[in-house]
């Protein structure tokens, strides 16, 4: 049985923001779950619950809180509005907010100490950013899973700072991430221990069951199974 609650995360500049938290009925490894551009909506809360049912303590930080706390949209019908939110993100403060969420997750009594970062869309880039930049008492995350992060290519110069295994998921028919961008990531991670790219015959946001024009069930189920295997290998 899982339970959900709101957590208040204190930032490095002394402010607070809300994070959704899903916990299993026993202590377990932590997961930082990063939102799509739609905010922390039913899809993200559902993913948090699915991970909690696998025994993970899941924290979903509100990454839009400095712009509009609690921003939430359901599906692709609000795509333009959500893209505008992403355009307002302050990438100077985002890494600090990621680190604050990381530290808060580790402080939860249910968290046993290892932490993974998992993200979708915008969150796919944030998961990779967490792996490269977030440190709590000198320790980074223990594994990261990036689903179709369109900003990943911009982070390739900091791959040397990533000290954990990373799994990348991409759809080969993604209108926002061309094949040459996927191939660039593949070349960049080739030969790096624990890093790999998985491709699917699908488009963008293929795991979002609340976005019917994007959701691709076979790809979503295949990627989810691979994700769970990867997390179990590196977090337990």
Foldseek 3Di string as FASTA:
>chain_A
DKDKDWDWFAFPVGDTAIKIKIAAPAAFAEEEEEEALQWCEPQNVVVRNVVRVVGYTYIYTGQLVVPPHPRGDQACVCVVVSVVSVVPRDVVCSLRVLLRSVVVRCPDPRHPHAYEYEYAACSLLVRVSQQQRHDDVRDGHAEYEGEPHLCVLVCLVRPVSRDYAYEYEAECAEPSQHPVNVVVVQVSCVPPPRYDYDYDPAYGPCLRPSYVVGHDVVSNVVVVVVVVVSCVVGGD
